[in-house]
Amino acid sequence: MCFDVKTGYVVKTTAHVKSEMGESRFDSILSEYRADGPVKSAHYIQTVVGGQPLNIEITQVVVNAPLPEVPSICRTMCGPSKRNRFQPLQCKAAGAPDLET
């Protein structure tokens, strides 16, 4: 991770990800920081994966926006709980202890 000396903002990140296709390097350049409510965040991210560029431009950030309605497919998969709320799906990593609800 590289930081801007003057602002302290993250300006570059590098990650190595292993997959079935081998190891890939992800380099991301973050820029155009703007205030989004109480937080400043990058509004332009240029990522290079395997030599191919991927540019992301964030045009709008809404702080504390209401959450959208849960799609019906999620309600069907999760099912209602005893209190008539939806239970999240719980995923467990191999070797991780069981979680109690």
N, C-alpha and C. Protein backbone atom coordinates (compact mmCIF):
# COMPACT_ATOMS: atom_id res chain seq x y z
N MET A 1 0.84 -1.16 0.00
CA MET A 1 0.00 0.00 0.00
C MET A 1 0.89 1.24 0.00
N CYS A 2 0.54 2.20 -0.82
CA CYS A 2 1.28 3.45 -0.88
C CYS A 2 0.35 4.59 -0.47
N PHE A 3 0.89 5.51 0.32
CA PHE A 3 0.12 6.63 0.83
C PHE A 3 0.70 7.94 0.31
N ASP A 4 -0.18 8.92 0.11
CA ASP A 4 0.26 10.26 -0.25
C ASP A 4 0.89 10.89 1.00
N VAL A 5 2.10 11.42 0.87
CA VAL A 5 2.82 11.97 2.02
C VAL A 5 2.08 13.17 2.60
N LYS A 6 1.50 13.99 1.76
CA LYS A 6 0.85 15.22 2.22
C LYS A 6 -0.52 14.95 2.86
N THR A 7 -1.35 14.11 2.22
CA THR A 7 -2.72 13.91 2.69
C THR A 7 -2.90 12.67 3.55
N GLY A 8 -2.04 11.67 3.36
CA GLY A 8 -2.20 10.41 4.07
C GLY A 8 -3.18 9.46 3.39
N TYR A 9 -3.73 9.86 2.24
CA TYR A 9 -4.68 9.02 1.52
C TYR A 9 -3.96 7.85 0.85
N VAL A 10 -4.66 6.73 0.72
CA VAL A 10 -4.13 5.59 -0.03
C VAL A 10 -4.14 5.96 -1.50
N VAL A 11 -3.00 5.81 -2.18
CA VAL A 11 -2.94 6.15 -3.61
C VAL A 11 -2.64 4.94 -4.48
N LYS A 12 -2.14 3.84 -3.87
CA LYS A 12 -1.87 2.63 -4.65
C LYS A 12 -1.94 1.41 -3.74
N THR A 13 -2.55 0.35 -4.26
CA THR A 13 -2.56 -0.94 -3.57
C THR A 13 -2.13 -2.02 -4.55
N THR A 14 -1.52 -3.06 -4.03
CA THR A 14 -1.14 -4.21 -4.83
C THR A 14 -1.55 -5.46 -4.09
N ALA A 15 -2.16 -6.39 -4.80
CA ALA A 15 -2.58 -7.65 -4.19
C ALA A 15 -2.23 -8.79 -5.14
N HIS A 16 -1.90 -9.93 -4.57
CA HIS A 16 -1.63 -11.14 -5.34
C HIS A 16 -2.72 -12.15 -4.97
N VAL A 17 -3.44 -12.63 -5.97
CA VAL A 17 -4.55 -13.55 -5.74
C VAL A 17 -4.28 -14.85 -6.47
N LYS A 18 -4.40 -15.96 -5.76
CA LYS A 18 -4.22 -17.28 -6.37
C LYS A 18 -5.57 -17.85 -6.75
N SER A 19 -5.64 -18.45 -7.92
CA SER A 19 -6.87 -19.09 -8.38
C SER A 19 -6.48 -20.32 -9.20
N GLU A 20 -7.48 -20.97 -9.77
CA GLU A 20 -7.23 -22.15 -10.61
C GLU A 20 -6.39 -21.80 -11.83
N MET A 21 -6.42 -20.54 -12.23
CA MET A 21 -5.67 -20.11 -13.41
C MET A 21 -4.26 -19.64 -13.05
N GLY A 22 -3.87 -19.76 -11.79
CA GLY A 22 -2.55 -19.31 -11.37
C GLY A 22 -2.65 -18.08 -10.50
N GLU A 23 -1.53 -17.42 -10.32
CA GLU A 23 -1.50 -16.22 -9.48
C GLU A 23 -1.64 -14.98 -10.34
N SER A 24 -2.48 -14.06 -9.89
CA SER A 24 -2.68 -12.80 -10.60
C SER A 24 -2.29 -11.65 -9.69
N ARG A 25 -1.75 -10.62 -10.29
CA ARG A 25 -1.39 -9.41 -9.56
C ARG A 25 -2.40 -8.33 -9.88
N PHE A 26 -2.92 -7.68 -8.85
CA PHE A 26 -3.88 -6.60 -8.99
C PHE A 26 -3.21 -5.32 -8.50
N ASP A 27 -2.98 -4.36 -9.38
CA ASP A 27 -2.46 -3.05 -9.00
C ASP A 27 -3.60 -2.04 -9.14
N SER A 28 -3.86 -1.27 -8.10
CA SER A 28 -4.92 -0.27 -8.15
C SER A 28 -4.36 1.10 -7.79
N ILE A 29 -4.71 2.10 -8.61
CA ILE A 29 -4.34 3.49 -8.36
C ILE A 29 -5.62 4.22 -7.98
N LEU A 30 -5.63 4.85 -6.81
CA LEU A 30 -6.81 5.55 -6.31
C LEU A 30 -6.57 7.05 -6.41
N SER A 31 -7.58 7.79 -6.90
CA SER A 31 -7.42 9.24 -7.05
C SER A 31 -8.78 9.92 -6.95
N GLU A 32 -8.75 11.24 -7.15
CA GLU A 32 -9.94 12.08 -7.10
C GLU A 32 -10.70 11.91 -5.79
N TYR A 33 -10.02 12.10 -4.68
CA TYR A 33 -10.66 12.01 -3.37
C TYR A 33 -11.61 13.17 -3.17
N ARG A 34 -12.82 12.86 -2.68
CA ARG A 34 -13.82 13.88 -2.39
C ARG A 34 -14.52 13.53 -1.08
N ALA A 35 -15.08 14.55 -0.45
CA ALA A 35 -15.80 14.34 0.81
C ALA A 35 -17.17 13.72 0.51
N ASP A 36 -17.44 12.63 1.22
CA ASP A 36 -18.75 11.98 1.17
C ASP A 36 -19.27 11.98 2.60
N GLY A 37 -19.97 13.03 2.97
CA GLY A 37 -20.36 13.17 4.36
C GLY A 37 -19.11 13.39 5.19
N PRO A 38 -18.94 12.65 6.27
CA PRO A 38 -17.78 12.84 7.14
C PRO A 38 -16.50 12.15 6.65
N VAL A 39 -16.57 11.43 5.52
CA VAL A 39 -15.44 10.63 5.05
C VAL A 39 -15.04 11.06 3.65
N LYS A 40 -13.73 11.08 3.40
CA LYS A 40 -13.25 11.32 2.04
C LYS A 40 -12.91 9.98 1.43
N SER A 41 -13.31 9.79 0.18
CA SER A 41 -13.03 8.52 -0.50
C SER A 41 -12.65 8.78 -1.95
N ALA A 42 -11.91 7.81 -2.50
CA ALA A 42 -11.48 7.92 -3.89
C ALA A 42 -12.68 7.76 -4.80
N HIS A 43 -12.77 8.61 -5.81
CA HIS A 43 -13.86 8.53 -6.78
C HIS A 43 -13.39 8.02 -8.14
N TYR A 44 -12.12 7.71 -8.24
CA TYR A 44 -11.60 7.12 -9.47
C TYR A 44 -10.57 6.07 -9.10
N ILE A 45 -10.77 4.85 -9.59
CA ILE A 45 -9.87 3.75 -9.29
C ILE A 45 -9.49 3.09 -10.61
N GLN A 46 -8.22 3.02 -10.87
CA GLN A 46 -7.73 2.34 -12.06
C GLN A 46 -7.02 1.07 -11.59
N THR A 47 -7.54 -0.08 -12.00
CA THR A 47 -6.97 -1.36 -11.62
C THR A 47 -6.43 -2.05 -12.86
N VAL A 48 -5.27 -2.67 -12.73
CA VAL A 48 -4.69 -3.44 -13.82
C VAL A 48 -4.59 -4.89 -13.36
N VAL A 49 -5.25 -5.78 -14.10
CA VAL A 49 -5.25 -7.20 -13.79
C VAL A 49 -4.72 -7.94 -15.01
N GLY A 50 -3.61 -8.62 -14.85
CA GLY A 50 -3.03 -9.37 -15.97
C GLY A 50 -2.76 -8.49 -17.17
N GLY A 51 -2.39 -7.23 -16.92
CA GLY A 51 -2.09 -6.31 -18.01
C GLY A 51 -3.31 -5.62 -18.59
N GLN A 52 -4.50 -6.00 -18.16
CA GLN A 52 -5.73 -5.40 -18.68
C GLN A 52 -6.26 -4.33 -17.72
N PRO A 53 -6.48 -3.10 -18.20
CA PRO A 53 -6.97 -2.04 -17.31
C PRO A 53 -8.47 -2.15 -17.05
N LEU A 54 -8.85 -1.78 -15.85
CA LEU A 54 -10.26 -1.69 -15.46
C LEU A 54 -10.40 -0.37 -14.72
N ASN A 55 -11.16 0.56 -15.28
CA ASN A 55 -11.33 1.88 -14.68
C ASN A 55 -12.71 1.98 -14.04
N ILE A 56 -12.72 2.42 -12.78
CA ILE A 56 -13.97 2.58 -12.04
C ILE A 56 -14.10 4.05 -11.67
N GLU A 57 -15.21 4.66 -12.06
CA GLU A 57 -15.49 6.05 -11.70
C GLU A 57 -16.75 6.06 -10.84
N ILE A 58 -16.61 6.56 -9.63
CA ILE A 58 -17.75 6.65 -8.71
C ILE A 58 -18.36 8.02 -8.89
N THR A 59 -19.61 8.06 -9.31
CA THR A 59 -20.26 9.33 -9.61
C THR A 59 -21.12 9.85 -8.47
N GLN A 60 -21.56 8.95 -7.59
CA GLN A 60 -22.42 9.39 -6.49
C GLN A 60 -22.25 8.47 -5.29
N VAL A 61 -22.14 9.08 -4.12
CA VAL A 61 -22.09 8.34 -2.86
C VAL A 61 -23.18 8.93 -1.98
N VAL A 62 -24.05 8.08 -1.46
CA VAL A 62 -25.11 8.53 -0.57
C VAL A 62 -24.82 7.96 0.81
N VAL A 63 -24.59 8.84 1.77
CA VAL A 63 -24.27 8.42 3.13
C VAL A 63 -25.57 8.16 3.89
N ASN A 64 -25.62 7.01 4.57
CA ASN A 64 -26.78 6.61 5.38
C ASN A 64 -28.08 6.53 4.58
N ALA A 65 -27.98 6.08 3.35
CA ALA A 65 -29.18 5.91 2.52
C ALA A 65 -29.98 4.72 3.05
N PRO A 66 -31.30 4.76 2.89
CA PRO A 66 -32.09 3.60 3.33
C PRO A 66 -31.74 2.39 2.48
N LEU A 67 -31.78 1.22 3.10
CA LEU A 67 -31.48 -0.01 2.38
C LEU A 67 -32.65 -0.40 1.49
N PRO A 68 -32.36 -0.99 0.33
CA PRO A 68 -33.44 -1.42 -0.54
C PRO A 68 -34.15 -2.64 0.04
N GLU A 69 -35.33 -2.90 -0.47
CA GLU A 69 -36.10 -4.08 -0.07
C GLU A 69 -35.31 -5.33 -0.42
N VAL A 70 -35.39 -6.34 0.43
CA VAL A 70 -34.70 -7.60 0.18
C VAL A 70 -35.38 -8.29 -1.00
N PRO A 71 -34.60 -8.67 -2.05
CA PRO A 71 -35.22 -9.35 -3.20
C PRO A 71 -35.91 -10.64 -2.78
N SER A 72 -36.97 -11.00 -3.47
CA SER A 72 -37.75 -12.18 -3.10
C SER A 72 -36.92 -13.45 -3.14
N ILE A 73 -35.93 -13.55 -4.02
CA ILE A 73 -35.11 -14.75 -4.08
C ILE A 73 -34.35 -14.93 -2.77
N CYS A 74 -33.92 -13.82 -2.16
CA CYS A 74 -33.22 -13.91 -0.87
C CYS A 74 -34.19 -14.34 0.23
N ARG A 75 -35.40 -13.83 0.21
CA ARG A 75 -36.38 -14.23 1.22
C ARG A 75 -36.69 -15.71 1.09
N THR A 76 -36.75 -16.21 -0.14
CA THR A 76 -37.03 -17.62 -0.37
C THR A 76 -35.87 -18.47 0.12
N MET A 77 -34.63 -18.05 -0.15
CA MET A 77 -33.47 -18.84 0.24
C MET A 77 -33.25 -18.82 1.75
N CYS A 78 -33.48 -17.68 2.38
CA CYS A 78 -33.19 -17.53 3.80
C CYS A 78 -34.35 -17.98 4.67
N GLY A 79 -35.57 -17.70 4.23
CA GLY A 79 -36.75 -18.07 5.01
C GLY A 79 -36.94 -17.17 6.21
N PRO A 80 -38.17 -17.04 6.68
CA PRO A 80 -38.44 -16.18 7.85
C PRO A 80 -38.00 -16.87 9.14
N SER A 81 -37.60 -16.09 10.11
CA SER A 81 -37.24 -16.62 11.42
C SER A 81 -38.49 -16.65 12.31
N LYS A 82 -38.31 -17.06 13.54
CA LYS A 82 -39.43 -17.13 14.48
C LYS A 82 -40.01 -15.75 14.77
N ARG A 83 -39.18 -14.71 14.67
CA ARG A 83 -39.65 -13.36 14.93
C ARG A 83 -40.10 -12.66 13.66
N ASN A 84 -40.28 -13.43 12.59
CA ASN A 84 -40.73 -12.89 11.31
C ASN A 84 -39.71 -11.94 10.69
N ARG A 85 -38.43 -12.21 10.95
CA ARG A 85 -37.34 -11.50 10.28
C ARG A 85 -36.56 -12.53 9.49
N PHE A 86 -35.72 -12.07 8.61
CA PHE A 86 -34.99 -12.99 7.76
C PHE A 86 -33.65 -13.35 8.37
N GLN A 87 -33.34 -14.62 8.37
CA GLN A 87 -32.07 -15.11 8.89
C GLN A 87 -31.03 -15.01 7.78
N PRO A 88 -29.86 -14.46 8.06
CA PRO A 88 -28.81 -14.45 7.04
C PRO A 88 -28.26 -15.86 6.84
N LEU A 89 -27.79 -16.13 5.63
CA LEU A 89 -27.13 -17.40 5.39
C LEU A 89 -25.80 -17.38 6.12
N GLN A 90 -25.48 -18.46 6.79
CA GLN A 90 -24.22 -18.51 7.52
C GLN A 90 -23.26 -19.43 6.77
N CYS A 91 -22.14 -18.86 6.38
CA CYS A 91 -21.12 -19.64 5.70
C CYS A 91 -20.00 -19.91 6.70
N LYS A 92 -19.44 -21.08 6.62
CA LYS A 92 -18.40 -21.46 7.56
C LYS A 92 -17.16 -21.89 6.79
N ALA A 93 -16.04 -21.31 7.15
CA ALA A 93 -14.77 -21.68 6.52
C ALA A 93 -14.35 -23.04 7.07
N ALA A 94 -13.63 -23.79 6.26
CA ALA A 94 -13.16 -25.11 6.69
C ALA A 94 -12.32 -24.97 7.95
N GLY A 95 -12.65 -25.76 8.97
CA GLY A 95 -11.91 -25.75 10.22
C GLY A 95 -12.36 -24.67 11.20
N ALA A 96 -13.28 -23.80 10.80
CA ALA A 96 -13.74 -22.75 11.71
C ALA A 96 -14.73 -23.35 12.71
N PRO A 97 -14.80 -22.81 13.93
CA PRO A 97 -15.73 -23.33 14.91
C PRO A 97 -17.17 -23.01 14.53
N ASP A 98 -18.11 -23.82 15.03
CA ASP A 98 -19.52 -23.55 14.79
C ASP A 98 -19.93 -22.26 15.50
N LEU A 99 -20.78 -21.47 14.84
CA LEU A 99 -21.28 -20.24 15.43
C LEU A 99 -22.64 -20.50 16.05
N GLU A 100 -22.84 -19.97 17.24
CA GLU A 100 -24.14 -20.12 17.88
C GLU A 100 -24.99 -18.90 17.57
N THR A 101 -26.27 -19.11 17.32
CA THR A 101 -27.14 -17.99 17.00
C THR A 101 -28.00 -17.65 18.18
